[in-house]
N, C-alpha and C. Protein backbone atom coordinates (compact mmCIF):
# COMPACT_ATOMS: atom_id res chain seq x y z
N MET A 1 0.79 -1.11 -0.02
CA MET A 1 -0.10 -0.01 -0.11
C MET A 1 0.87 1.26 0.05
N GLU A 2 0.27 2.32 -0.63
CA GLU A 2 1.03 3.63 -0.57
C GLU A 2 0.08 4.66 -0.25
N ILE A 3 0.57 5.69 0.27
CA ILE A 3 -0.33 6.87 0.55
C ILE A 3 0.01 7.96 -0.55
N TYR A 4 -1.18 8.46 -1.15
CA TYR A 4 -1.07 9.57 -2.00
C TYR A 4 -1.69 10.88 -1.59
N ILE A 5 -1.19 11.93 -2.01
CA ILE A 5 -1.93 13.16 -1.48
C ILE A 5 -2.42 13.85 -2.63
N GLU A 6 -3.67 14.43 -2.25
CA GLU A 6 -4.53 14.94 -3.23
C GLU A 6 -4.76 16.51 -2.81
N ASN A 7 -4.52 17.44 -3.77
CA ASN A 7 -4.67 18.84 -3.47
C ASN A 7 -6.13 19.20 -3.97
N VAL A 8 -6.81 19.66 -3.11
CA VAL A 8 -8.26 19.97 -3.60
C VAL A 8 -8.40 21.60 -3.32
N PHE A 9 -8.68 22.36 -4.25
CA PHE A 9 -8.96 23.74 -4.08
C PHE A 9 -10.48 23.90 -3.69
N SER A 10 -10.54 25.34 -2.84
CA SER A 10 -11.78 25.59 -2.53
C SER A 10 -12.74 25.82 -3.72
N ILE A 11 -13.97 25.86 -3.34
CA ILE A 11 -15.06 26.01 -4.40
C ILE A 11 -14.77 27.13 -5.34
N ASP A 12 -14.39 28.32 -4.81
CA ASP A 12 -14.17 29.28 -5.73
C ASP A 12 -12.88 29.43 -6.36
N ASN A 13 -12.04 28.29 -6.28
CA ASN A 13 -10.71 28.00 -7.06
C ASN A 13 -9.69 29.01 -6.51
N VAL A 14 -9.83 29.55 -5.34
CA VAL A 14 -8.78 30.48 -4.84
C VAL A 14 -7.62 29.55 -4.34
N ALA A 15 -6.42 29.81 -4.87
CA ALA A 15 -5.29 28.83 -4.70
C ALA A 15 -4.83 28.98 -3.13
N SER A 16 -5.30 30.10 -2.60
CA SER A 16 -4.75 30.29 -1.20
C SER A 16 -5.36 29.37 -0.15
N SER A 17 -6.44 28.49 -0.40
CA SER A 17 -6.95 27.73 0.52
C SER A 17 -6.76 26.31 -0.10
N VAL A 18 -5.72 25.76 0.02
CA VAL A 18 -5.54 24.27 -0.44
C VAL A 18 -5.73 23.27 0.82
N ILE A 19 -6.40 22.34 0.45
CA ILE A 19 -6.84 21.31 1.40
C ILE A 19 -6.01 20.02 1.09
N VAL A 20 -5.15 19.55 1.95
CA VAL A 20 -4.45 18.29 1.55
C VAL A 20 -5.11 17.10 2.42
N TYR A 21 -5.58 16.20 1.48
CA TYR A 21 -6.03 14.86 2.19
C TYR A 21 -5.08 13.71 1.85
N ARG A 22 -5.10 12.73 2.87
CA ARG A 22 -4.16 11.64 2.73
C ARG A 22 -5.03 10.44 2.48
N TYR A 23 -4.56 9.55 1.48
CA TYR A 23 -5.18 8.26 0.99
C TYR A 23 -4.28 7.07 1.26
N ILE A 24 -5.06 6.08 1.60
CA ILE A 24 -4.32 4.74 1.59
C ILE A 24 -4.72 4.07 0.12
N CYS A 25 -3.80 3.64 -0.72
CA CYS A 25 -3.94 2.95 -1.65
C CYS A 25 -3.45 1.55 -1.69
N LYS A 26 -4.50 0.61 -2.04
CA LYS A 26 -4.14 -0.82 -1.96
C LYS A 26 -3.38 -1.18 -3.24
N GLU A 27 -2.66 -2.10 -3.29
CA GLU A 27 -1.72 -2.51 -4.51
C GLU A 27 -2.96 -2.80 -5.57
N GLY A 28 -2.37 -2.47 -6.79
CA GLY A 28 -3.30 -2.60 -7.94
C GLY A 28 -4.25 -1.46 -8.27
N SER A 29 -4.12 -0.43 -7.36
CA SER A 29 -5.10 0.84 -7.74
C SER A 29 -4.55 1.50 -8.85
N SER A 30 -5.53 1.75 -9.75
CA SER A 30 -5.30 2.48 -11.11
C SER A 30 -5.37 4.06 -11.01
N VAL A 31 -5.71 4.62 -9.81
CA VAL A 31 -5.76 6.00 -9.63
C VAL A 31 -4.89 6.34 -8.38
N PRO A 32 -4.36 7.64 -8.37
CA PRO A 32 -3.53 7.99 -7.21
C PRO A 32 -4.25 8.10 -5.86
N CYS A 33 -5.55 8.54 -5.89
CA CYS A 33 -6.32 8.85 -4.78
C CYS A 33 -7.65 8.15 -4.75
N PRO A 34 -7.66 6.76 -4.63
CA PRO A 34 -8.86 5.95 -4.72
C PRO A 34 -9.84 6.15 -3.52
N SER A 35 -11.13 6.27 -3.71
CA SER A 35 -11.95 6.26 -2.46
C SER A 35 -13.19 5.42 -2.69
N ASP A 36 -12.92 4.35 -3.43
CA ASP A 36 -14.10 3.41 -3.77
C ASP A 36 -14.12 2.50 -2.58
N GLU A 37 -13.23 2.38 -1.62
CA GLU A 37 -13.00 1.35 -0.57
C GLU A 37 -12.56 0.00 -1.12
N ILE A 38 -12.37 -0.25 -2.33
CA ILE A 38 -11.79 -1.37 -2.83
C ILE A 38 -10.43 -1.35 -3.20
N SER A 39 -10.10 -0.35 -3.89
CA SER A 39 -8.72 -0.01 -4.43
C SER A 39 -8.03 0.95 -3.40
N GLY A 40 -8.78 1.57 -2.43
CA GLY A 40 -8.11 2.51 -1.44
C GLY A 40 -9.18 3.28 -0.82
N TYR A 41 -8.77 4.15 0.08
CA TYR A 41 -9.72 4.90 0.85
C TYR A 41 -8.90 6.07 1.43
N ARG A 42 -9.75 7.16 1.76
CA ARG A 42 -9.10 8.25 2.58
C ARG A 42 -8.71 7.88 3.96
N CYS A 43 -7.78 8.32 4.50
CA CYS A 43 -7.35 8.00 5.99
C CYS A 43 -8.56 8.69 6.85
N PRO A 44 -9.11 7.58 7.55
CA PRO A 44 -10.25 7.97 8.46
C PRO A 44 -10.00 8.87 9.59
N ALA A 45 -11.15 9.62 10.13
CA ALA A 45 -11.03 10.33 11.22
C ALA A 45 -10.55 9.52 12.50
N GLY A 46 -9.93 10.12 13.39
CA GLY A 46 -9.27 9.30 14.62
C GLY A 46 -7.92 8.75 14.06
N PHE A 47 -7.50 8.81 13.00
CA PHE A 47 -6.25 8.22 12.51
C PHE A 47 -5.42 9.36 11.79
N TYR A 48 -4.19 8.95 11.45
CA TYR A 48 -3.47 10.00 10.65
C TYR A 48 -2.53 9.10 9.68
N CYS A 49 -2.19 9.58 8.60
CA CYS A 49 -1.43 9.10 7.59
C CYS A 49 -0.27 9.86 7.08
N PRO A 50 0.94 9.64 7.85
CA PRO A 50 2.15 10.39 7.47
C PRO A 50 2.56 9.91 6.07
N SER A 51 3.30 10.76 5.39
CA SER A 51 3.71 10.55 4.06
C SER A 51 4.76 9.30 4.05
N GLY A 52 4.41 8.38 3.13
CA GLY A 52 5.26 7.23 3.19
C GLY A 52 4.77 6.01 4.04
N SER A 53 3.85 6.13 4.77
CA SER A 53 3.31 4.97 5.63
C SER A 53 2.39 4.16 4.66
N SER A 54 2.25 2.87 5.01
CA SER A 54 1.57 1.89 4.35
C SER A 54 0.11 1.72 4.90
N ILE A 55 -0.02 1.96 6.12
CA ILE A 55 -1.29 1.91 6.84
C ILE A 55 -1.55 3.11 7.55
N GLU A 56 -2.95 3.39 7.80
CA GLU A 56 -3.34 4.36 8.79
C GLU A 56 -2.82 4.18 10.17
N LEU A 57 -2.58 5.15 10.99
CA LEU A 57 -2.08 5.03 12.35
C LEU A 57 -3.08 5.59 13.29
N PRO A 58 -3.34 4.93 14.49
CA PRO A 58 -4.33 5.58 15.18
C PRO A 58 -3.67 6.66 16.05
N CYS A 59 -4.54 7.78 16.28
CA CYS A 59 -4.11 8.88 17.24
C CYS A 59 -3.97 8.32 18.53
N PRO A 60 -2.69 8.69 19.30
CA PRO A 60 -2.62 8.14 20.60
C PRO A 60 -3.34 8.76 21.67
N PRO A 61 -3.58 8.36 22.78
CA PRO A 61 -4.27 9.23 23.81
C PRO A 61 -3.61 10.52 24.11
N GLY A 62 -4.37 11.49 24.34
CA GLY A 62 -3.87 12.95 24.48
C GLY A 62 -3.90 13.54 23.25
N THR A 63 -4.41 13.09 22.09
CA THR A 63 -4.43 13.51 20.89
C THR A 63 -5.79 13.25 20.15
N PHE A 64 -5.92 13.98 18.91
CA PHE A 64 -7.39 13.49 18.25
C PHE A 64 -7.26 13.94 16.76
N SER A 65 -8.00 13.31 15.97
CA SER A 65 -8.21 13.85 14.58
C SER A 65 -9.56 13.86 14.05
N PRO A 66 -10.24 15.00 14.06
CA PRO A 66 -11.60 15.19 13.76
C PRO A 66 -12.04 14.94 12.37
N MET A 67 -11.14 15.07 11.31
CA MET A 67 -11.43 15.05 9.91
C MET A 67 -10.86 13.81 9.29
N PRO A 68 -11.36 13.24 8.21
CA PRO A 68 -10.59 12.21 7.50
C PRO A 68 -9.57 12.85 6.59
N GLY A 69 -8.45 12.03 6.34
CA GLY A 69 -7.42 12.56 5.59
C GLY A 69 -6.24 13.30 6.22
N ALA A 70 -6.25 13.16 7.60
CA ALA A 70 -5.14 13.92 8.32
C ALA A 70 -3.85 13.38 8.24
N SER A 71 -2.82 14.35 8.11
CA SER A 71 -1.41 13.81 7.99
C SER A 71 -0.82 13.69 9.36
N SER A 72 -1.40 14.14 10.46
CA SER A 72 -0.96 14.24 11.80
C SER A 72 -2.23 14.38 12.79
N CYS A 73 -1.96 14.16 13.98
CA CYS A 73 -2.98 14.14 15.00
C CYS A 73 -2.91 15.62 15.70
N LEU A 74 -3.92 16.13 16.18
CA LEU A 74 -4.01 17.41 16.97
C LEU A 74 -3.78 17.10 18.47
N LEU A 75 -3.05 18.04 19.31
CA LEU A 75 -3.02 17.84 20.51
C LEU A 75 -4.40 18.24 21.30
N CYS A 76 -4.82 17.45 22.32
CA CYS A 76 -6.09 17.62 22.90
C CYS A 76 -5.81 19.14 23.59
N PRO A 77 -6.81 20.09 23.38
CA PRO A 77 -6.78 21.30 23.84
C PRO A 77 -7.15 21.24 25.50
N ALA A 78 -6.63 22.39 26.13
CA ALA A 78 -6.95 22.44 27.29
C ALA A 78 -8.42 22.63 27.59
N GLY A 79 -8.88 22.07 28.77
CA GLY A 79 -10.43 22.12 28.98
C GLY A 79 -11.08 20.81 28.46
N SER A 80 -10.20 19.88 27.91
CA SER A 80 -10.70 18.72 27.23
C SER A 80 -9.87 17.62 27.52
N SER A 81 -10.50 16.28 27.35
CA SER A 81 -9.58 14.93 27.42
C SER A 81 -9.71 14.29 26.24
N CYS A 82 -8.72 13.53 25.96
CA CYS A 82 -8.71 12.51 24.96
C CYS A 82 -8.21 11.27 25.44
N MET A 83 -9.08 10.52 26.02
CA MET A 83 -8.82 9.38 26.84
C MET A 83 -8.28 8.14 25.94
N HIS A 84 -8.99 8.03 24.70
CA HIS A 84 -8.77 6.79 23.94
C HIS A 84 -8.03 6.90 22.88
N VAL A 85 -7.51 5.82 22.29
CA VAL A 85 -6.83 5.67 20.97
C VAL A 85 -7.81 6.00 19.94
N SER A 86 -7.49 6.82 19.01
CA SER A 86 -8.36 7.01 17.68
C SER A 86 -9.48 7.95 18.19
N THR A 87 -9.13 8.93 19.05
CA THR A 87 -10.19 9.88 19.45
C THR A 87 -10.50 10.73 18.18
N VAL A 88 -11.67 11.02 17.95
CA VAL A 88 -12.18 11.79 17.02
C VAL A 88 -12.61 13.27 17.45
N GLU A 89 -13.26 13.27 18.64
CA GLU A 89 -13.72 14.62 19.13
C GLU A 89 -13.25 14.62 20.63
N PRO A 90 -12.59 15.68 21.17
CA PRO A 90 -12.14 15.59 22.57
C PRO A 90 -13.46 15.75 23.36
N ALA A 91 -13.46 15.20 24.64
CA ALA A 91 -14.53 15.33 25.48
C ALA A 91 -14.39 16.43 26.48
N ASN A 92 -15.31 17.08 26.79
CA ASN A 92 -15.43 18.12 27.61
C ASN A 92 -14.96 17.78 29.09
N CYS A 93 -14.07 18.54 29.67
CA CYS A 93 -13.46 18.16 30.97
C CYS A 93 -14.77 18.17 32.04
N PRO A 94 -14.91 17.08 32.72
CA PRO A 94 -16.17 17.07 33.66
C PRO A 94 -16.07 17.88 34.93
N GLN A 95 -17.05 18.19 35.51
CA GLN A 95 -17.09 18.96 36.76
C GLN A 95 -16.24 18.21 37.79
N GLY A 96 -15.57 18.85 38.69
CA GLY A 96 -14.86 18.33 39.78
C GLY A 96 -13.41 17.94 39.28
N ASN A 97 -13.13 18.42 38.12
CA ASN A 97 -11.77 18.02 37.47
C ASN A 97 -11.32 19.28 36.73
N TYR A 98 -10.08 19.20 36.27
CA TYR A 98 -9.44 20.20 35.37
C TYR A 98 -8.56 19.46 34.43
N CYS A 99 -8.39 19.94 33.21
CA CYS A 99 -7.71 19.26 32.08
C CYS A 99 -6.73 20.27 31.36
N PRO A 100 -5.41 20.25 31.74
CA PRO A 100 -4.45 20.87 31.02
C PRO A 100 -4.40 20.49 29.56
N ALA A 101 -3.72 21.21 28.58
CA ALA A 101 -3.53 20.64 27.38
C ALA A 101 -2.92 19.20 27.27
N MET A 102 -3.30 18.25 26.42
CA MET A 102 -2.87 16.95 26.10
C MET A 102 -3.24 16.04 27.26
N THR A 103 -4.32 16.27 27.99
CA THR A 103 -4.97 15.55 29.07
C THR A 103 -5.60 14.25 28.42
N VAL A 104 -5.00 13.06 29.21
CA VAL A 104 -5.60 11.81 28.81
C VAL A 104 -6.80 11.63 29.68
N VAL A 105 -6.44 11.51 31.11
CA VAL A 105 -7.43 11.37 32.25
C VAL A 105 -7.57 12.60 32.81
N PRO A 106 -8.82 13.26 33.03
CA PRO A 106 -9.10 14.54 33.74
C PRO A 106 -8.45 14.46 35.19
N VAL A 107 -7.89 15.41 35.63
CA VAL A 107 -7.26 15.57 36.85
C VAL A 107 -8.33 16.00 37.94
N PRO A 108 -8.43 15.20 39.07
CA PRO A 108 -9.59 15.57 39.96
C PRO A 108 -9.07 16.76 40.89
N CYS A 109 -9.94 17.61 41.20
CA CYS A 109 -9.72 18.67 42.16
C CYS A 109 -9.42 18.12 43.58
N PRO A 110 -8.20 18.54 44.11
CA PRO A 110 -7.84 17.97 45.48
C PRO A 110 -8.97 18.09 46.37
N GLU A 111 -8.60 17.23 47.56
CA GLU A 111 -9.52 17.27 48.72
C GLU A 111 -9.60 18.65 49.38
N GLY A 112 -10.81 18.89 49.76
CA GLY A 112 -11.02 20.40 50.37
C GLY A 112 -11.36 21.30 49.27
N THR A 113 -11.44 20.85 48.07
CA THR A 113 -11.87 21.85 46.97
C THR A 113 -12.93 21.31 46.09
N TYR A 114 -13.50 22.19 45.27
CA TYR A 114 -14.60 21.77 44.21
C TYR A 114 -14.47 22.55 43.04
N ASN A 115 -15.13 21.99 41.90
CA ASN A 115 -15.05 22.74 40.76
C ASN A 115 -16.47 22.40 40.07
N SER A 116 -17.40 23.43 39.95
CA SER A 116 -18.78 23.18 39.44
C SER A 116 -18.82 23.44 37.92
N LEU A 117 -17.82 23.81 37.23
CA LEU A 117 -17.89 23.97 35.76
C LEU A 117 -17.28 22.93 34.93
N GLU A 118 -17.72 22.64 33.94
CA GLU A 118 -17.20 21.88 32.92
C GLU A 118 -15.97 22.63 32.06
N GLY A 119 -15.23 21.82 31.58
CA GLY A 119 -14.28 22.62 30.63
C GLY A 119 -13.07 23.38 31.49
N ALA A 120 -12.70 22.96 32.68
CA ALA A 120 -11.79 23.73 33.37
C ALA A 120 -10.56 23.33 32.78
N LEU A 121 -9.64 24.52 32.67
CA LEU A 121 -8.18 24.35 32.24
C LEU A 121 -7.07 24.10 33.08
N SER A 122 -7.27 24.52 34.42
CA SER A 122 -6.12 24.24 35.37
C SER A 122 -6.68 24.29 36.72
N SER A 123 -5.83 23.97 37.71
CA SER A 123 -6.21 23.76 39.11
C SER A 123 -6.72 24.98 39.80
N ASP A 124 -6.42 26.12 38.97
CA ASP A 124 -6.96 27.48 39.44
C ASP A 124 -8.52 27.49 39.57
N SER A 125 -9.23 26.47 38.74
CA SER A 125 -10.66 26.26 38.71
C SER A 125 -11.14 25.58 39.86
N CYS A 126 -10.29 24.96 40.79
CA CYS A 126 -10.70 24.26 41.90
C CYS A 126 -10.79 25.35 43.10
N LYS A 127 -12.02 25.50 43.46
CA LYS A 127 -12.28 26.63 44.63
C LYS A 127 -12.23 25.76 45.97
N ILE A 128 -11.77 26.54 46.99
CA ILE A 128 -11.66 26.22 48.29
C ILE A 128 -13.04 25.99 48.87
N CYS A 129 -13.36 24.88 49.57
CA CYS A 129 -14.69 24.50 50.12
C CYS A 129 -15.07 25.67 51.14
N PRO A 130 -16.30 26.28 51.01
CA PRO A 130 -16.55 27.45 51.88
C PRO A 130 -16.57 27.13 53.34
N SER A 131 -16.34 27.97 54.06
CA SER A 131 -16.39 27.88 55.47
C SER A 131 -17.74 27.34 56.10
N GLY A 132 -17.67 26.32 56.89
CA GLY A 132 -18.93 25.74 57.37
C GLY A 132 -19.37 24.61 56.60
N GLN A 133 -18.79 24.42 55.52
CA GLN A 133 -19.12 23.10 54.73
C GLN A 133 -17.80 22.27 54.51
N TYR A 134 -18.06 21.03 53.94
CA TYR A 134 -16.93 20.11 53.87
C TYR A 134 -16.80 19.64 52.31
N CYS A 135 -15.71 19.35 51.93
CA CYS A 135 -15.65 18.72 50.53
C CYS A 135 -14.67 17.44 50.71
N ARG A 136 -15.49 16.27 50.83
CA ARG A 136 -14.85 15.05 51.13
C ARG A 136 -14.09 14.44 49.86
N GLY A 137 -12.79 14.08 50.08
CA GLY A 137 -12.17 13.39 48.84
C GLY A 137 -11.80 14.32 47.74
N GLU A 138 -11.56 13.75 46.70
CA GLU A 138 -11.11 14.44 45.40
C GLU A 138 -12.10 14.43 44.48
N GLY A 139 -12.17 15.34 43.44
CA GLY A 139 -13.12 15.46 42.42
C GLY A 139 -14.51 16.03 42.71
N ASN A 140 -14.59 16.84 43.68
CA ASN A 140 -15.91 17.23 43.96
C ASN A 140 -16.50 18.44 43.06
N TRP A 141 -17.63 18.32 42.63
CA TRP A 141 -18.24 19.41 41.76
C TRP A 141 -18.98 20.31 42.66
N GLN A 142 -19.25 19.93 43.94
CA GLN A 142 -19.98 21.08 44.90
C GLN A 142 -19.47 20.55 46.25
N PRO A 143 -19.81 21.42 47.22
CA PRO A 143 -19.45 20.91 48.56
C PRO A 143 -20.26 19.80 49.09
N ASP A 144 -20.01 18.81 49.80
CA ASP A 144 -20.80 17.73 50.08
C ASP A 144 -21.96 18.22 51.09
N GLY A 145 -21.67 19.14 51.86
CA GLY A 145 -22.70 19.48 52.84
C GLY A 145 -22.06 20.26 53.95
N LYS A 146 -22.95 20.64 54.88
CA LYS A 146 -22.59 21.28 56.10
C LYS A 146 -22.27 20.38 57.22
N SER A 147 -21.28 20.88 58.10
CA SER A 147 -20.81 19.97 58.98
C SER A 147 -21.12 20.73 60.48
N ILE A 148 -21.83 20.02 61.36
CA ILE A 148 -22.15 20.58 62.57
C ILE A 148 -20.70 20.91 63.28
N PHE A 149 -19.84 19.93 63.30
CA PHE A 149 -18.54 20.10 63.85
C PHE A 149 -17.82 21.31 63.19
N CYS A 150 -17.88 21.40 61.97
CA CYS A 150 -17.12 22.55 61.25
C CYS A 150 -17.91 23.76 61.60
N TRP A 151 -19.14 23.94 61.63
CA TRP A 151 -19.89 25.06 61.96
C TRP A 151 -19.17 25.71 63.18
N LEU A 152 -18.97 25.00 64.26
CA LEU A 152 -18.44 25.69 65.56
C LEU A 152 -17.05 26.03 65.20
N LEU A 153 -16.30 24.90 64.85
CA LEU A 153 -14.82 25.22 64.63
C LEU A 153 -14.43 26.24 63.47
N CYS A 154 -15.15 26.20 62.45
CA CYS A 154 -14.76 27.20 61.27
C CYS A 154 -15.28 28.48 61.70
N ILE A 155 -16.45 28.78 62.43
CA ILE A 155 -16.75 30.08 62.85
C ILE A 155 -15.67 30.61 63.82
N THR A 156 -15.20 29.74 64.73
CA THR A 156 -14.07 30.28 65.59
C THR A 156 -12.81 30.37 64.86
N LEU A 157 -12.28 29.61 64.00
CA LEU A 157 -10.95 29.65 63.31
C LEU A 157 -11.18 30.61 61.92
N GLY A 158 -12.35 30.52 61.52
CA GLY A 158 -12.60 31.37 60.17
C GLY A 158 -11.90 30.87 59.03
N ALA A 159 -11.65 29.43 59.05
CA ALA A 159 -11.03 28.78 57.86
C ALA A 159 -11.89 27.47 57.58
N PRO A 160 -11.76 27.22 56.22
CA PRO A 160 -12.60 26.01 55.72
C PRO A 160 -11.61 24.90 56.06
N LEU A 161 -12.34 23.86 56.23
CA LEU A 161 -11.65 22.43 56.58
C LEU A 161 -11.86 21.46 55.64
N SER A 162 -11.00 20.54 55.49
CA SER A 162 -11.22 19.33 54.45
C SER A 162 -11.80 18.29 55.26
N TRP A 163 -12.36 17.25 54.64
CA TRP A 163 -12.88 16.00 55.38
C TRP A 163 -11.95 15.43 56.26
N GLY A 164 -10.74 15.22 55.96
CA GLY A 164 -9.63 14.79 56.94
C GLY A 164 -9.39 15.53 58.16
N ASP A 165 -9.81 16.93 58.17
CA ASP A 165 -9.70 17.61 59.23
C ASP A 165 -10.93 17.48 60.24
N ILE A 166 -11.86 16.85 59.88
CA ILE A 166 -13.12 16.89 60.63
C ILE A 166 -13.12 15.65 61.53
């Protein structure tokens, strides 16, 4: 198999917008960019086809490829996660977590904090649990509740406590 490149101009034939698609050509193909699925096909979404390779390669975790015909994978953007091989579309970072660029598995907010927003970019999105409430464990999207013990102690000390402090 070989990979061929096809240059396709925009609808108005303006040469400034050239799109390059990568194809896999099976042996015996009579055309350089077959798309009949018998003699060849365009490199599928979730994969990439670098020049000179004989098969499509899956995008590794932390990357994605949304369009068919890619020559490389894109880095998973901050605020998203790309957990699987051959990711086509990044997943929005879930509540209780944050996702820096190239995140494979979302990072949970630490104990004593919470994050109610999806798509958090960094640990700065993890807010300290409010005074009089507790945030048990990691990955909280909201405070777990009010603590009778914390009410007395937090009012006296004026500081929020994590579950381990109670």
